[in-house]
Amino acid sequence: MARILVIGGSLGGLLAANILHRQGHDVRVLEKVRGSMDGRGAGIVTHDALFAGLRRAGLEVTDSLGVQVQRRVALDPAGQTIVSIAMPQVLTSWSRLYEALHQILPPERYVQGVSVQSVTQDADSAQVHGETADGPQSWTGELVIASDGIRSVLRQQLAPQVQPQYAGYVAWRGVCDEAVLSERTLSTVFETFGFGLPAGEQLIGYPVAGPGNDTRRGHRAYNFVWYRPATGQALARLLTDADGVSYQGGISPNKVDWRQVADMRQAARALLAPQFAEMIEKTAQPFLQPIYDLACAQLAFGRVALMGDASFVARPHIGMGVTKAAQDAVALADAVALHGATPQALRAYEQRRLPEGQAAVARARWLGRYMQAQTDPAGAALVAPGEGQSAAEFVAETAIDLERYGHQSSFPGAAAHRSSFAAVAQTAP
């Protein structure tokens, strides 16, 4: 049994901690936030690899995990269906997965209120140094797993040259309660994975569990993500609150300027189907997320490894953020099982996950190129002549499970998944 420290207690950290704990290791999660993190985040698209990771973590994957949809539809600005594709998929939420993963990890293994500052290591162990309410403190383990997100403190120390690269657009996000929506919206789009495609923009949405992770009809919610170009002063305004305070890199939901929210809602009424405009109008607190790319060339640093968003951030178009973290957690556990809690294990993990992380970022950029072509002065070079995608292609390519639907994808890297398609069960858990 090895002592393993996991930095970051969000979904990636919880997946890694639970899987390693089930293998018999002495795991400690060090999380900066104090108190409950339940209710954070929004919708999550599931993939078969995520289900596999959840099972490895000790969860029973049942229908209560999320909401299943059977179709994808795209609506024009008048609210009429212009694309309809049968594509069964399960949609869940950050809150639902966090609650489940947090409950199965023994509470003494989840330490909150730790602001990690740095890591040091020697031949036999690694030491994490941080600040707590009681002052400076250090923890020692045979391995340290950094799952502390896109602004990872440990990545900044170990690979300071790796920085998030802004993609030129933001995502407005929110969750609207099913109970407040009109019958037209409920009957035409609520039960689907929905798309709106204004010129140079994209909105996606899908049903998820409602308050209290309730998946009963009438108690659910609809999660939306609306990608909109924003550069220069437009981005600066979005990241400035009503008191004129600017937030570089991202702004918390409660700090978003109400005037920016009002402008966004007005744009929704002008550009989107009435169904989507209604959802946005009735969402209590929309928030926004600048879209970044991040790709590491190295994941293993002696006895320290990067995982999740600390290692790769692929644009949300592929819907793979949590699934990628689950794949990282499984690969780490497999490597430790084979090589022990050693630097050799982390090198084996890196060899497995580095090309897969790079492929995810490449595919996400490929899906987002139509957005960047609208905002990048050199954007015309991003789309080759004749490569422009139709609405149907957008709908069919976004946030799909390549193990299930890779045979339908025109992305060059999807070819590797086509041979496995026949072996994948067609009914999602």
Protein backbone atom coordinates (compact mmCIF):
# COMPACT_ATOMS: atom_id res chain seq x y z
CA MET A 1 0.00 0.00 0.00
CA ALA A 2 1.35 3.41 -0.97
CA ARG A 3 0.57 6.86 0.34
CA ILE A 4 -0.70 8.96 -2.57
CA LEU A 5 -1.61 12.65 -2.45
CA VAL A 6 -4.21 14.02 -4.88
CA ILE A 7 -4.23 17.79 -5.33
CA GLY A 8 -7.74 19.03 -6.19
CA GLY A 9 -11.03 17.58 -5.00
CA SER A 10 -13.24 18.18 -8.01
CA LEU A 11 -14.42 15.34 -10.27
CA GLY A 12 -11.01 14.36 -11.62
CA GLY A 13 -9.42 14.26 -8.19
CA LEU A 14 -12.34 12.30 -6.75
CA LEU A 15 -12.20 9.77 -9.58
CA ALA A 16 -8.48 9.20 -9.07
CA ALA A 17 -8.78 9.09 -5.29
CA ASN A 18 -11.64 6.60 -5.27
CA ILE A 19 -10.03 4.26 -7.80
CA LEU A 20 -6.67 4.30 -5.99
CA HIS A 21 -8.37 3.90 -2.61
CA ARG A 22 -10.22 0.83 -3.89
CA GLN A 23 -6.85 -0.60 -4.92
CA GLY A 24 -5.77 -0.38 -1.28
CA HIS A 25 -3.69 2.79 -1.30
CA ASP A 26 -3.58 5.37 1.47
CA VAL A 27 -5.03 8.33 -0.42
CA ARG A 28 -5.43 11.93 0.69
CA VAL A 29 -7.22 14.59 -1.37
CA LEU A 30 -6.12 18.16 -0.69
CA GLU A 31 -8.83 20.62 -1.74
CA LYS A 32 -8.63 24.41 -1.54
CA VAL A 33 -12.36 25.09 -1.11
CA ARG A 34 -13.93 24.84 2.34
CA GLY A 35 -17.44 23.49 2.77
CA SER A 36 -19.74 21.89 0.23
CA MET A 37 -18.91 22.16 -3.46
CA ASP A 38 -22.27 20.64 -4.40
CA GLY A 39 -24.26 22.69 -6.89
CA ARG A 40 -21.23 23.96 -8.80
CA GLY A 41 -20.83 23.45 -12.51
CA ALA A 42 -23.48 22.56 -15.03
CA GLY A 43 -24.19 19.82 -17.56
CA ILE A 44 -21.92 16.92 -18.53
CA VAL A 45 -22.10 14.78 -21.66
CA THR A 46 -21.36 11.16 -20.83
CA HIS A 47 -19.30 8.63 -22.77
CA ASP A 48 -18.71 4.92 -22.34
CA ALA A 49 -15.23 5.62 -20.95
CA LEU A 50 -16.79 7.79 -18.23
CA PHE A 51 -19.14 4.97 -17.22
CA ALA A 52 -16.16 2.62 -17.06
CA GLY A 53 -14.26 5.07 -14.86
CA LEU A 54 -17.22 5.56 -12.53
CA ARG A 55 -17.50 1.79 -12.10
CA ARG A 56 -13.80 1.54 -11.32
CA ALA A 57 -14.35 4.26 -8.70
CA GLY A 58 -17.01 2.11 -7.04
CA LEU A 59 -20.23 3.63 -8.36
CA GLU A 60 -23.12 1.60 -9.63
CA VAL A 61 -24.07 3.16 -12.96
CA THR A 62 -27.87 3.25 -13.19
CA ASP A 63 -30.56 5.33 -14.91
CA SER A 64 -30.45 7.72 -11.95
CA LEU A 65 -27.06 8.96 -13.11
CA GLY A 66 -28.66 11.31 -15.62
CA VAL A 67 -31.28 11.91 -18.28
CA GLN A 68 -31.34 9.98 -21.54
CA VAL A 69 -32.24 11.66 -24.81
CA GLN A 70 -32.94 9.87 -28.07
CA ARG A 71 -32.55 12.64 -30.65
CA ARG A 72 -30.58 15.72 -31.60
CA VAL A 73 -32.34 18.63 -33.20
CA ALA A 74 -31.30 22.00 -34.59
CA LEU A 75 -33.77 24.88 -34.54
CA ASP A 76 -33.76 27.88 -36.87
CA PRO A 77 -34.36 31.42 -35.54
CA ALA A 78 -38.12 30.95 -35.97
CA GLY A 79 -38.03 27.85 -33.76
CA GLN A 80 -38.58 25.33 -36.54
CA THR A 81 -36.65 22.06 -36.65
CA ILE A 82 -34.12 22.06 -39.49
CA VAL A 83 -32.10 18.98 -38.43
CA SER A 84 -33.21 15.86 -36.58
CA ILE A 85 -30.87 12.92 -35.93
CA ALA A 86 -31.43 9.80 -33.84
CA MET A 87 -28.48 9.65 -31.42
CA PRO A 88 -29.20 8.20 -27.95
CA GLN A 89 -27.04 9.68 -25.20
CA VAL A 90 -27.10 10.12 -21.41
CA LEU A 91 -26.62 13.63 -20.01
CA THR A 92 -25.74 14.24 -16.40
CA SER A 93 -24.51 17.13 -14.26
CA TRP A 94 -21.42 18.11 -12.31
CA SER A 95 -23.46 18.21 -9.12
CA ARG A 96 -24.81 14.69 -9.59
CA LEU A 97 -21.39 13.15 -10.16
CA TYR A 98 -19.72 15.17 -7.41
CA GLU A 99 -22.30 14.08 -4.86
CA ALA A 100 -21.96 10.42 -5.79
CA LEU A 101 -18.14 10.38 -5.88
CA HIS A 102 -17.78 12.43 -2.71
CA GLN A 103 -20.10 10.16 -0.74
CA ILE A 104 -18.15 6.98 -1.43
CA LEU A 105 -14.76 8.41 -0.44
CA PRO A 106 -14.18 8.13 3.35
CA PRO A 107 -14.44 11.67 4.75
CA GLU A 108 -11.08 11.54 6.51
CA ARG A 109 -9.42 11.17 3.10
CA TYR A 110 -10.83 14.47 1.81
CA VAL A 111 -9.02 17.43 3.40
CA GLN A 112 -10.47 20.86 2.67
CA GLY A 113 -9.13 24.35 3.16
CA VAL A 114 -5.65 23.54 1.79
CA SER A 115 -4.06 26.13 -0.48
CA VAL A 116 -1.23 24.18 -2.10
CA GLN A 117 1.87 26.28 -2.70
CA SER A 118 4.55 23.93 -4.06
CA VAL A 119 5.93 20.42 -4.25
CA THR A 120 9.40 19.08 -3.53
CA GLN A 121 10.70 15.55 -3.92
CA ASP A 122 13.59 13.23 -3.27
CA ALA A 123 14.45 9.68 -4.29
CA ASP A 124 11.79 8.08 -2.09
CA SER A 125 8.92 10.54 -1.69
CA ALA A 126 7.32 13.85 -2.63
CA GLN A 127 6.28 16.60 -0.26
CA VAL A 128 3.35 18.96 -0.82
CA HIS A 129 3.56 22.31 0.94
CA GLY A 130 0.50 24.43 1.55
CA GLU A 131 -1.37 26.90 3.71
CA THR A 132 -4.29 26.01 5.98
CA ALA A 133 -6.33 27.93 8.52
CA ASP A 134 -3.81 26.73 11.12
CA GLY A 135 -0.82 27.96 9.13
CA PRO A 136 1.74 26.29 6.88
CA GLN A 137 1.59 22.51 6.62
CA SER A 138 3.24 19.77 4.58
CA TRP A 139 2.15 16.31 3.49
CA THR A 140 4.35 13.48 2.26
CA GLY A 141 3.50 10.72 -0.18
CA GLU A 142 5.16 8.31 -2.52
CA LEU A 143 3.25 9.92 -5.41
CA VAL A 144 1.54 13.27 -5.96
CA ILE A 145 -1.25 13.59 -8.53
CA ALA A 146 -1.99 17.17 -9.59
CA SER A 147 -5.66 17.46 -10.54
CA ASP A 148 -5.95 21.14 -9.71
CA GLY A 149 -7.40 22.45 -12.95
CA ILE A 150 -6.46 24.73 -15.81
CA ARG A 151 -4.65 27.15 -13.45
CA SER A 152 -2.77 24.31 -11.74
CA VAL A 153 -0.30 25.55 -9.14
CA LEU A 154 1.87 22.47 -9.55
CA ARG A 155 1.94 22.74 -13.34
CA GLN A 156 3.02 26.36 -12.99
CA GLN A 157 5.94 25.12 -10.90
CA LEU A 158 6.88 22.09 -12.97
CA ALA A 159 6.11 23.32 -16.50
CA PRO A 160 5.77 27.13 -16.35
CA GLN A 161 6.09 27.40 -20.13
CA VAL A 162 2.69 25.71 -20.55
CA GLN A 163 -0.03 28.37 -20.44
CA PRO A 164 -3.72 28.38 -21.44
CA GLN A 165 -4.29 29.82 -24.91
CA TYR A 166 -7.49 31.83 -25.40
CA ALA A 167 -9.51 30.56 -28.38
CA GLY A 168 -11.21 33.87 -29.23
CA TYR A 169 -14.67 33.17 -27.84
CA VAL A 170 -16.61 32.59 -24.64
CA ALA A 171 -19.40 30.27 -23.59
CA TRP A 172 -22.45 31.67 -21.85
CA ARG A 173 -23.81 28.88 -19.66
CA GLY A 174 -26.80 28.27 -17.46
CA VAL A 175 -29.43 25.84 -16.24
CA CYS A 176 -33.16 26.53 -16.50
CA ASP A 177 -35.78 24.65 -14.45
CA GLU A 178 -38.16 22.51 -16.49
CA ALA A 179 -41.16 23.67 -14.44
CA VAL A 180 -40.99 27.28 -15.70
CA LEU A 181 -40.85 26.53 -19.42
CA SER A 182 -43.70 26.86 -21.90
CA GLU A 183 -45.41 23.87 -23.48
CA ARG A 184 -43.91 24.73 -26.88
CA THR A 185 -40.38 24.58 -25.52
CA LEU A 186 -41.08 21.40 -23.58
CA SER A 187 -42.60 19.62 -26.56
CA THR A 188 -40.16 20.72 -29.27
CA VAL A 189 -36.72 20.75 -27.71
CA PHE A 190 -36.59 19.94 -23.98
CA GLU A 191 -36.37 16.16 -24.45
CA THR A 192 -33.57 16.49 -27.01
CA PHE A 193 -29.95 17.47 -27.39
CA GLY A 194 -30.71 20.82 -28.98
CA PHE A 195 -28.69 23.13 -31.23
CA GLY A 196 -28.95 26.73 -32.33
CA LEU A 197 -26.56 27.89 -35.05
CA PRO A 198 -26.48 31.67 -35.62
CA ALA A 199 -23.74 32.78 -38.01
CA GLY A 200 -20.36 32.33 -36.32
CA GLU A 201 -21.92 31.08 -33.10
CA GLN A 202 -23.27 27.86 -31.63
CA LEU A 203 -25.68 27.01 -28.84
CA ILE A 204 -26.13 23.53 -27.50
CA GLY A 205 -28.45 22.36 -24.75
CA TYR A 206 -29.79 19.23 -23.14
CA PRO A 207 -31.86 18.09 -20.14
CA VAL A 208 -30.16 17.28 -16.84
CA ALA A 209 -31.25 16.54 -13.29
CA GLY A 210 -32.93 19.45 -11.54
CA PRO A 211 -32.48 20.81 -8.00
CA GLY A 212 -31.54 18.07 -5.57
CA ASN A 213 -30.37 15.96 -8.53
CA ASP A 214 -34.00 15.14 -9.29
CA THR A 215 -34.52 13.34 -12.62
CA ARG A 216 -38.32 13.04 -12.39
CA ARG A 217 -40.33 14.53 -15.23
CA GLY A 218 -41.32 18.06 -14.34
CA HIS A 219 -38.41 18.40 -11.89
CA ARG A 220 -35.49 18.38 -14.30
CA ALA A 221 -33.59 21.29 -15.85
CA TYR A 222 -32.16 22.24 -19.25
CA ASN A 223 -28.47 23.01 -19.48
CA PHE A 224 -27.34 25.39 -22.24
CA VAL A 225 -23.93 26.46 -23.56
CA TRP A 226 -23.84 29.38 -26.02
CA TYR A 227 -20.52 30.04 -27.75
CA ARG A 228 -20.02 33.67 -28.82
CA PRO A 229 -16.98 35.50 -30.24
CA ALA A 230 -15.30 37.91 -27.83
CA THR A 231 -11.89 39.51 -28.28
CA GLY A 232 -10.11 42.68 -27.22
CA GLN A 233 -12.32 45.18 -25.45
CA ALA A 234 -15.40 42.97 -25.79
CA LEU A 235 -13.69 40.25 -23.75
CA ALA A 236 -12.38 42.78 -21.24
CA ARG A 237 -15.92 44.09 -20.66
CA LEU A 238 -17.26 40.58 -20.12
CA LEU A 239 -14.60 39.94 -17.48
CA THR A 240 -15.30 43.19 -15.61
CA ASP A 241 -17.94 43.34 -12.88
CA ALA A 242 -20.51 46.08 -12.28
CA ASP A 243 -18.07 47.89 -9.96
CA GLY A 244 -15.36 48.07 -12.62
CA VAL A 245 -13.17 45.30 -11.16
CA SER A 246 -11.50 43.20 -13.88
CA TYR A 247 -10.91 39.46 -13.56
CA GLN A 248 -8.25 37.99 -15.80
CA GLY A 249 -8.81 34.46 -17.05
CA GLY A 250 -12.37 34.09 -15.77
CA ILE A 251 -15.09 35.68 -13.68
CA SER A 252 -17.24 33.97 -11.04
CA PRO A 253 -21.00 33.69 -11.76
CA ASN A 254 -22.01 36.16 -9.05
CA LYS A 255 -19.60 38.78 -10.39
CA VAL A 256 -20.84 38.88 -14.00
CA ASP A 257 -22.11 42.41 -14.76
CA TRP A 258 -25.91 42.40 -14.91
CA ARG A 259 -25.70 44.69 -17.95
CA GLN A 260 -23.69 42.05 -19.81
CA VAL A 261 -26.35 39.47 -18.89
CA ALA A 262 -29.07 41.83 -20.17
CA ASP A 263 -27.21 42.35 -23.45
CA MET A 264 -26.76 38.59 -23.86
CA ARG A 265 -30.47 37.98 -23.28
CA GLN A 266 -31.37 40.64 -25.82
CA ALA A 267 -29.06 38.96 -28.34
CA ALA A 268 -30.74 35.63 -27.63
CA ARG A 269 -34.13 37.09 -28.50
CA ALA A 270 -32.73 38.46 -31.76
CA LEU A 271 -30.59 35.50 -32.88
CA LEU A 272 -31.91 32.29 -31.37
CA ALA A 273 -35.04 30.20 -31.61
CA PRO A 274 -37.74 31.43 -29.20
CA GLN A 275 -37.38 28.18 -27.25
CA PHE A 276 -33.72 28.87 -26.47
CA ALA A 277 -34.37 32.56 -25.84
CA GLU A 278 -37.04 31.57 -23.30
CA MET A 279 -34.62 29.28 -21.46
CA ILE A 280 -31.97 31.98 -21.29
CA GLU A 281 -34.50 34.59 -20.14
CA LYS A 282 -35.73 32.32 -17.34
CA THR A 283 -32.28 31.24 -16.10
CA ALA A 284 -31.67 32.98 -12.79
CA GLN A 285 -27.89 33.34 -13.00
CA PRO A 286 -26.24 32.75 -16.36
CA PHE A 287 -22.46 32.71 -16.21
CA LEU A 288 -19.68 32.85 -18.76
CA GLN A 289 -16.55 30.86 -19.43
CA PRO A 290 -13.69 32.02 -21.67
CA ILE A 291 -12.66 29.10 -23.90
CA TYR A 292 -9.05 27.98 -23.76
CA ASP A 293 -6.75 25.35 -25.20
CA LEU A 294 -4.07 23.82 -23.01
CA ALA A 295 -1.71 21.02 -23.96
CA CYS A 296 1.28 19.67 -22.04
CA ALA A 297 4.25 17.95 -23.64
CA GLN A 298 5.09 16.16 -20.38
CA LEU A 299 2.84 14.68 -17.68
CA ALA A 300 5.29 12.89 -15.38
CA PHE A 301 7.85 14.78 -13.28
CA GLY A 302 9.57 12.21 -11.08
CA ARG A 303 7.03 11.36 -8.41
CA VAL A 304 4.52 13.98 -9.55
CA ALA A 305 2.01 13.62 -12.39
CA LEU A 306 -0.50 15.98 -14.01
CA MET A 307 -4.02 14.84 -14.85
CA GLY A 308 -7.40 16.24 -15.88
CA ASP A 309 -7.49 19.94 -16.76
CA ALA A 310 -4.05 20.39 -15.21
CA SER A 311 -2.62 18.45 -18.17
CA PHE A 312 -4.93 19.07 -21.14
CA VAL A 313 -7.93 21.31 -21.68
CA ALA A 314 -9.90 20.58 -24.83
CA ARG A 315 -12.63 23.00 -25.86
CA PRO A 316 -16.05 21.84 -24.64
CA HIS A 317 -17.25 21.10 -28.20
CA ILE A 318 -16.16 17.49 -27.77
CA GLY A 319 -17.87 17.12 -24.38
CA MET A 320 -14.92 15.17 -23.02
CA GLY A 321 -13.68 17.09 -19.97
CA VAL A 322 -14.85 14.73 -17.24
CA THR A 323 -14.49 11.65 -19.41
CA LYS A 324 -10.86 12.58 -20.10
CA ALA A 325 -10.29 12.93 -16.35
CA ALA A 326 -11.82 9.48 -15.83
CA GLN A 327 -9.51 8.03 -18.48
CA ASP A 328 -6.56 9.70 -16.76
CA ALA A 329 -7.58 8.25 -13.39
CA VAL A 330 -7.95 4.74 -14.80
CA ALA A 331 -4.60 4.95 -16.60
CA LEU A 332 -2.88 6.14 -13.42
CA ALA A 333 -4.36 3.33 -11.36
CA ASP A 334 -3.40 0.75 -13.99
CA ALA A 335 0.16 2.04 -14.10
CA VAL A 336 0.50 2.02 -10.31
CA ALA A 337 -0.92 -1.51 -10.17
CA LEU A 338 1.69 -2.65 -12.68
CA HIS A 339 4.76 -0.70 -11.55
CA GLY A 340 4.00 0.29 -7.96
CA ALA A 341 3.98 3.84 -6.63
CA THR A 342 7.12 4.75 -8.55
CA PRO A 343 8.33 7.25 -11.12
CA GLN A 344 8.26 4.35 -13.60
CA ALA A 345 4.48 4.11 -13.10
CA LEU A 346 4.05 7.79 -13.87
CA ARG A 347 6.17 7.48 -17.00
CA ALA A 348 3.96 4.59 -18.13
CA TYR A 349 0.89 6.74 -17.44
CA GLU A 350 2.40 9.57 -19.47
CA GLN A 351 3.16 7.28 -22.40
CA ARG A 352 -0.47 6.14 -22.46
CA ARG A 353 -2.24 9.43 -21.93
CA LEU A 354 -0.04 11.99 -23.69
CA PRO A 355 -1.10 11.08 -27.26
CA GLU A 356 -4.75 10.73 -26.22
CA GLY A 357 -4.76 14.16 -24.60
CA GLN A 358 -3.14 15.69 -27.66
CA ALA A 359 -5.75 14.03 -29.89
CA ALA A 360 -8.60 15.41 -27.76
CA VAL A 361 -7.25 18.96 -28.02
CA ALA A 362 -6.79 18.58 -31.79
CA ARG A 363 -10.33 17.35 -32.30
CA ALA A 364 -11.77 20.12 -30.12
CA ARG A 365 -9.89 22.70 -32.18
CA TRP A 366 -11.20 21.09 -35.35
CA LEU A 367 -14.78 21.36 -34.07
CA GLY A 368 -14.23 24.96 -32.96
CA ARG A 369 -12.56 26.18 -36.14
CA TYR A 370 -15.78 27.69 -37.47
CA MET A 371 -15.90 29.89 -34.35
CA GLN A 372 -12.26 30.93 -34.60
CA ALA A 373 -12.63 31.72 -38.28
CA GLN A 374 -15.04 34.48 -37.22
CA THR A 375 -12.68 36.03 -34.65
CA ASP A 376 -9.10 35.36 -35.79
CA PRO A 377 -7.71 37.77 -38.43
CA ALA A 378 -5.98 34.76 -39.94
CA GLY A 379 -9.12 32.68 -39.49
CA ALA A 380 -9.64 32.05 -43.18
CA ALA A 381 -6.62 29.77 -43.06
CA LEU A 382 -8.31 27.61 -40.45
CA VAL A 383 -10.95 26.38 -42.84
CA ALA A 384 -9.82 24.87 -46.11
CA PRO A 385 -11.80 25.55 -49.31
CA GLY A 386 -14.89 23.36 -49.36
CA GLU A 387 -14.44 22.37 -45.70
CA GLY A 388 -17.29 24.45 -44.30
CA GLN A 389 -19.67 22.29 -42.29
CA SER A 390 -23.43 22.14 -42.72
CA ALA A 391 -25.86 22.41 -39.80
CA ALA A 392 -26.37 18.64 -39.95
CA GLU A 393 -22.61 18.05 -39.69
CA PHE A 394 -22.33 20.38 -36.70
CA VAL A 395 -25.12 18.49 -34.97
CA ALA A 396 -23.68 15.07 -35.76
CA GLU A 397 -20.09 15.88 -34.72
CA THR A 398 -20.46 17.86 -31.50
CA ALA A 399 -19.94 16.07 -28.16
CA ILE A 400 -20.23 12.56 -29.57
CA ASP A 401 -18.80 9.39 -28.09
CA LEU A 402 -16.31 8.26 -30.73
CA GLU A 403 -16.52 4.70 -29.44
CA ARG A 404 -20.22 4.73 -30.39
CA TYR A 405 -20.42 7.17 -33.27
CA GLY A 406 -16.87 7.52 -34.56
CA HIS A 407 -17.84 5.64 -37.70
CA GLN A 408 -20.04 8.64 -38.59
CA SER A 409 -17.39 11.31 -37.95
CA SER A 410 -15.42 13.06 -40.68
CA PHE A 411 -12.63 14.06 -38.24
CA PRO A 412 -9.44 12.36 -39.48
CA GLY A 413 -8.53 11.05 -36.03
CA ALA A 414 -11.87 9.26 -35.69
CA ALA A 415 -10.61 6.50 -37.98
CA ALA A 416 -8.89 4.85 -35.02
CA HIS A 417 -12.27 4.31 -33.35
CA ARG A 418 -14.16 2.86 -36.26
CA SER A 419 -13.00 -0.71 -35.84
CA SER A 420 -14.27 -0.80 -32.25
CA PHE A 421 -17.72 0.53 -33.03
CA ALA A 422 -19.30 -2.86 -33.69
CA ALA A 423 -18.18 -4.12 -30.29
CA VAL A 424 -19.80 -1.28 -28.33
CA ALA A 425 -23.20 -1.86 -26.79
CA GLN A 426 -25.79 0.41 -28.34
CA THR A 427 -27.88 1.00 -25.24
CA ALA A 428 -26.33 3.47 -22.84
CA PRO A 429 -26.43 2.60 -19.12
